Amino acid sequence: VAISAFNMALFSNPQHAVVVLTFASLLYSRTWEESVNFARERALDTRIYVPEILDASNYLSDNEIADRVSQFSEQVKNAVNILTNKDCLFHAMTRFPGFFSCSGVVFVSQKMGQYVKNIFNILTRDVETIKAKERSGGIDYHLLKDGNICENRFVLGKIILRTLLYRNTAERGSIKAEEDDKMQVTNPPQKSVIKEIPQHSDKNVNEKRILKDNNHVKPNKVHENASALSSLFK
């Protein structure tokens, strides 16, 4: 429900990349300073998510970020009403010309809606004073199952950050989970296996080729490697 509300709010009210990342980082139990610094460092990694994520090239001051985070938090809370109230749903859908009212609509309970709103209450005011909660970085599934609001807030922030940052970084390398869960990107060396390939009898020089076990090496590259290695195995 919280993810749906976040998506609806972002769709209706596109945000600056730094604002969204700061918003998610604060949910993720970081301090205000940590969240802002992290958001500014990684803002360009969200440029593939348009038009929901606005251009990150425009600089925002700390005060502007704080105000926008609080405003967006209120918008997310308002989006929860679309999931719990029929009138709010139909009002929201009037922006879509092809929408027709239909029976059998299922709504989230008012109790669940209020619980989700409470997740975002911490971000609606004085976000600069938010203190980070000491934790190992992992998810406490017992607390999550029990509905602990801090744990749900942490997991929501984690999901948003992973979603916004994973695709772009995965294109440059593989994601390695650090102990502190900083989502750093690494490019681990790929293992290579050297195999001797029998050659035709009319060849004077036996060549050896490097075959990648993932078969991603292009044929012309294999030939170059084989030529370079042939002298080493004479």
Protein backbone atom coordinates (compact mmCIF):
# COMPACT_ATOMS: atom_id res chain seq x y z
CA VAL A 1 0.00 0.00 0.00
CA ALA A 2 2.83 2.39 0.88
CA ILE A 3 4.61 1.64 -2.40
CA SER A 4 1.40 2.23 -4.37
CA ALA A 5 0.85 5.55 -2.62
CA PHE A 6 4.45 6.58 -3.34
CA ASN A 7 4.10 5.69 -7.02
CA MET A 8 0.81 7.55 -7.40
CA ALA A 9 2.18 10.66 -5.70
CA LEU A 10 5.30 10.64 -7.86
CA PHE A 11 3.27 10.11 -11.03
CA SER A 12 0.99 13.03 -10.21
CA ASN A 13 3.74 15.25 -8.81
CA PRO A 14 7.13 14.58 -10.50
CA GLN A 15 10.04 15.45 -8.23
CA HIS A 16 13.65 16.56 -8.49
CA ALA A 17 15.97 13.54 -8.26
CA VAL A 18 17.67 14.86 -5.12
CA VAL A 19 14.30 15.25 -3.41
CA VAL A 20 13.24 11.67 -4.13
CA LEU A 21 16.57 10.18 -3.05
CA THR A 22 16.64 12.28 0.11
CA PHE A 23 13.07 11.20 0.86
CA ALA A 24 13.98 7.53 0.45
CA SER A 25 17.25 7.84 2.36
CA LEU A 26 15.49 9.36 5.36
CA LEU A 27 13.07 6.44 5.36
CA TYR A 28 16.13 4.21 5.18
CA SER A 29 17.22 5.42 8.63
CA ARG A 30 19.88 7.87 7.54
CA THR A 31 20.40 11.28 9.10
CA TRP A 32 19.46 14.46 7.25
CA GLU A 33 23.07 15.27 6.38
CA GLU A 34 23.79 11.71 5.21
CA SER A 35 20.63 11.65 3.13
CA VAL A 36 21.31 14.94 1.36
CA ASN A 37 24.94 14.07 0.61
CA PHE A 38 23.97 10.64 -0.69
CA ALA A 39 21.19 12.10 -2.84
CA ARG A 40 23.48 14.67 -4.44
CA GLU A 41 26.12 12.06 -5.20
CA ARG A 42 23.69 9.66 -6.85
CA ALA A 43 21.12 12.00 -8.41
CA LEU A 44 22.33 11.51 -11.97
CA ASP A 45 21.85 7.75 -11.64
CA THR A 46 18.08 8.30 -11.67
CA ARG A 47 18.00 10.13 -15.01
CA ILE A 48 16.48 7.10 -16.75
CA TYR A 49 13.28 7.51 -14.76
CA VAL A 50 11.44 10.23 -16.62
CA PRO A 51 9.08 12.03 -16.47
CA GLU A 52 8.49 11.07 -12.82
CA ILE A 53 12.04 12.09 -11.89
CA LEU A 54 12.88 15.63 -12.94
CA ASP A 55 16.22 16.84 -14.25
CA ALA A 56 18.84 16.78 -11.51
CA SER A 57 21.04 19.47 -13.05
CA ASN A 58 19.26 22.29 -11.20
CA TYR A 59 20.90 22.86 -7.83
CA LEU A 60 18.69 22.88 -4.75
CA SER A 61 19.74 24.31 -1.40
CA ASP A 62 19.29 22.30 1.79
CA ASN A 63 16.27 24.40 2.74
CA GLU A 64 14.65 23.84 -0.65
CA ILE A 65 15.23 20.10 -0.36
CA ALA A 66 13.74 20.02 3.14
CA ASP A 67 10.63 21.92 2.02
CA ARG A 68 10.12 19.73 -1.02
CA VAL A 69 10.60 16.51 0.94
CA SER A 70 7.94 17.61 3.42
CA GLN A 71 5.57 18.64 0.63
CA PHE A 72 6.06 15.37 -1.20
CA SER A 73 5.46 13.43 2.01
CA GLU A 74 2.09 15.14 2.34
CA GLN A 75 1.32 14.28 -1.27
CA VAL A 76 2.11 10.62 -0.59
CA LYS A 77 -0.21 10.67 2.43
CA ASN A 78 -2.96 12.22 0.32
CA ALA A 79 -2.45 9.51 -2.29
CA VAL A 80 -3.34 6.93 0.36
CA ASN A 81 -6.88 8.35 0.32
CA ILE A 82 -7.25 7.19 -3.29
CA LEU A 83 -6.84 3.64 -2.04
CA THR A 84 -9.30 3.98 0.84
CA ASN A 85 -12.00 6.36 -0.36
CA LYS A 86 -14.28 5.97 -3.39
CA ASP A 87 -14.78 9.70 -3.94
CA CYS A 88 -11.03 10.34 -3.84
CA LEU A 89 -10.49 7.55 -6.35
CA PHE A 90 -12.99 8.87 -8.88
CA HIS A 91 -11.69 12.42 -8.46
CA ALA A 92 -8.14 11.23 -9.14
CA MET A 93 -9.22 9.29 -12.22
CA THR A 94 -10.95 12.25 -13.87
CA ARG A 95 -7.60 13.23 -15.35
CA PHE A 96 -7.77 10.13 -17.54
CA PRO A 97 -10.34 10.62 -20.36
CA GLY A 98 -10.67 6.91 -21.01
CA PHE A 99 -11.61 6.06 -17.45
CA PHE A 100 -15.06 4.63 -16.83
CA SER A 101 -16.58 3.97 -13.44
CA CYS A 102 -16.98 0.33 -12.62
CA SER A 103 -18.45 -1.74 -9.86
CA GLY A 104 -16.51 -4.20 -7.76
CA VAL A 105 -13.72 -1.81 -6.80
CA VAL A 106 -11.75 -3.08 -3.81
CA PHE A 107 -10.45 -0.53 -1.32
CA VAL A 108 -7.85 -0.67 1.42
CA SER A 109 -9.28 -0.49 4.93
CA GLN A 110 -9.24 2.84 6.74
CA LYS A 111 -7.13 1.26 9.47
CA MET A 112 -4.45 0.18 7.00
CA GLY A 113 -4.60 3.55 5.29
CA GLN A 114 -3.94 5.36 8.55
CA TYR A 115 -1.07 3.02 9.36
CA VAL A 116 0.57 3.79 6.02
CA LYS A 117 0.14 7.52 6.58
CA ASN A 118 1.93 7.15 9.90
CA ILE A 119 4.96 5.79 8.05
CA PHE A 120 5.41 9.15 6.34
CA ASN A 121 4.53 11.41 9.27
CA ILE A 122 8.19 11.64 10.25
CA LEU A 123 8.96 13.39 6.94
CA THR A 124 6.22 16.00 6.99
CA ARG A 125 7.99 18.38 9.38
CA ASP A 126 11.46 19.19 10.77
CA VAL A 127 13.20 16.68 8.51
CA GLU A 128 16.57 18.33 9.25
CA THR A 129 16.37 17.05 12.84
CA ILE A 130 15.78 13.38 12.00
CA LYS A 131 18.30 11.13 13.72
CA ALA A 132 19.51 7.86 12.27
CA LYS A 133 18.55 4.68 14.05
CA GLU A 134 21.45 2.38 14.85
CA ARG A 135 21.03 -0.91 13.02
CA SER A 136 23.06 -3.57 11.25
CA GLY A 137 21.60 -2.81 7.81
CA GLY A 138 19.64 -6.03 7.52
CA ILE A 139 15.89 -6.52 7.70
CA ASP A 140 14.37 -7.77 10.94
CA TYR A 141 11.62 -9.96 9.55
CA HIS A 142 10.08 -10.57 12.95
CA LEU A 143 9.53 -6.85 13.45
CA LEU A 144 8.36 -6.51 9.86
CA LYS A 145 5.79 -9.26 10.34
CA ASP A 146 4.58 -7.67 13.57
CA GLY A 147 3.97 -4.40 11.74
CA ASN A 148 6.71 -2.39 13.42
CA ILE A 149 6.43 1.01 11.79
CA CYS A 150 10.17 1.78 11.96
CA GLU A 151 11.01 -1.50 10.26
CA ASN A 152 8.39 -0.95 7.57
CA ARG A 153 9.75 2.56 7.02
CA PHE A 154 13.26 1.15 6.66
CA VAL A 155 12.18 -1.53 4.15
CA LEU A 156 10.20 0.98 2.10
CA GLY A 157 13.25 3.24 1.83
CA LYS A 158 15.37 0.27 0.85
CA ILE A 159 12.95 -0.75 -1.91
CA ILE A 160 12.77 2.76 -3.35
CA LEU A 161 16.55 3.17 -3.39
CA ARG A 162 17.12 -0.23 -4.95
CA THR A 163 14.52 0.47 -7.61
CA LEU A 164 15.85 3.89 -8.54
CA LEU A 165 19.54 3.02 -8.50
CA TYR A 166 19.85 -0.66 -9.37
CA ARG A 167 19.06 -0.59 -13.08
CA ASN A 168 21.51 2.16 -13.94
CA THR A 169 24.37 0.74 -11.90
CA ALA A 170 23.71 -2.82 -13.03
CA GLU A 171 24.45 -1.74 -16.59
CA ARG A 172 27.99 -0.78 -15.55
CA GLY A 173 28.76 -3.78 -13.40
CA SER A 174 27.36 -6.22 -10.87
CA ILE A 175 25.89 -5.16 -7.55
CA LYS A 176 27.70 -6.40 -4.49
CA ALA A 177 25.95 -6.16 -1.13
CA GLU A 178 28.33 -4.52 1.31
CA GLU A 179 28.09 -5.17 5.03
CA ASP A 180 26.93 -1.61 5.53
CA ASP A 181 24.53 -2.02 2.59
CA LYS A 182 25.81 1.05 0.75
CA MET A 183 24.92 -0.50 -2.61
CA GLN A 184 28.32 0.02 -4.16
CA VAL A 185 29.05 -1.23 -7.64
CA THR A 186 31.91 -3.57 -8.36
CA ASN A 187 33.24 -5.29 -11.44
CA PRO A 188 34.52 -8.64 -10.16
CA PRO A 189 37.09 -10.34 -12.41
CA GLN A 190 35.65 -13.08 -14.59
CA LYS A 191 37.24 -16.48 -14.47
CA SER A 192 38.81 -17.71 -17.67
CA VAL A 193 39.50 -21.29 -18.68
CA ILE A 194 42.28 -22.07 -21.14
CA LYS A 195 41.50 -24.99 -23.42
CA GLU A 196 43.48 -26.32 -26.34
CA ILE A 197 41.49 -26.55 -29.55
CA PRO A 198 42.70 -29.12 -32.13
CA GLN A 199 43.68 -27.41 -35.40
CA HIS A 200 43.56 -28.63 -38.98
CA SER A 201 46.61 -30.64 -40.11
CA ASP A 202 47.56 -28.08 -42.76
CA LYS A 203 48.32 -25.47 -40.07
CA ASN A 204 51.97 -25.13 -39.05
CA VAL A 205 51.37 -23.40 -35.77
CA ASN A 206 49.17 -24.76 -33.01
CA GLU A 207 47.21 -22.00 -31.41
CA LYS A 208 45.60 -21.85 -28.05
CA ARG A 209 42.48 -19.88 -27.46
CA ILE A 210 41.03 -18.35 -24.37
CA LEU A 211 37.44 -19.42 -23.98
CA LYS A 212 35.39 -17.52 -21.46
CA ASP A 213 33.20 -19.84 -19.44
CA ASN A 214 30.31 -17.44 -20.03
CA ASN A 215 30.90 -17.51 -23.82
CA HIS A 216 30.74 -13.75 -24.06
CA VAL A 217 34.06 -13.32 -25.86
CA LYS A 218 33.65 -12.42 -29.50
CA PRO A 219 35.25 -14.72 -32.12
CA ASN A 220 37.65 -12.07 -33.45
CA LYS A 221 38.81 -11.38 -29.91
CA VAL A 222 39.43 -15.07 -29.38
CA HIS A 223 41.57 -15.16 -32.51
CA GLU A 224 43.62 -12.20 -31.31
CA ASN A 225 44.17 -13.82 -27.94
CA ALA A 226 45.13 -17.09 -29.58
CA SER A 227 47.69 -15.42 -31.81
CA ALA A 228 49.20 -13.59 -28.88
CA LEU A 229 49.43 -16.75 -26.79
CA SER A 230 50.73 -19.04 -29.50
CA SER A 231 54.30 -17.88 -29.05
CA LEU A 232 54.14 -18.61 -25.32
CA PHE A 233 53.32 -22.26 -25.84
CA LYS A 234 55.88 -23.12 -28.54
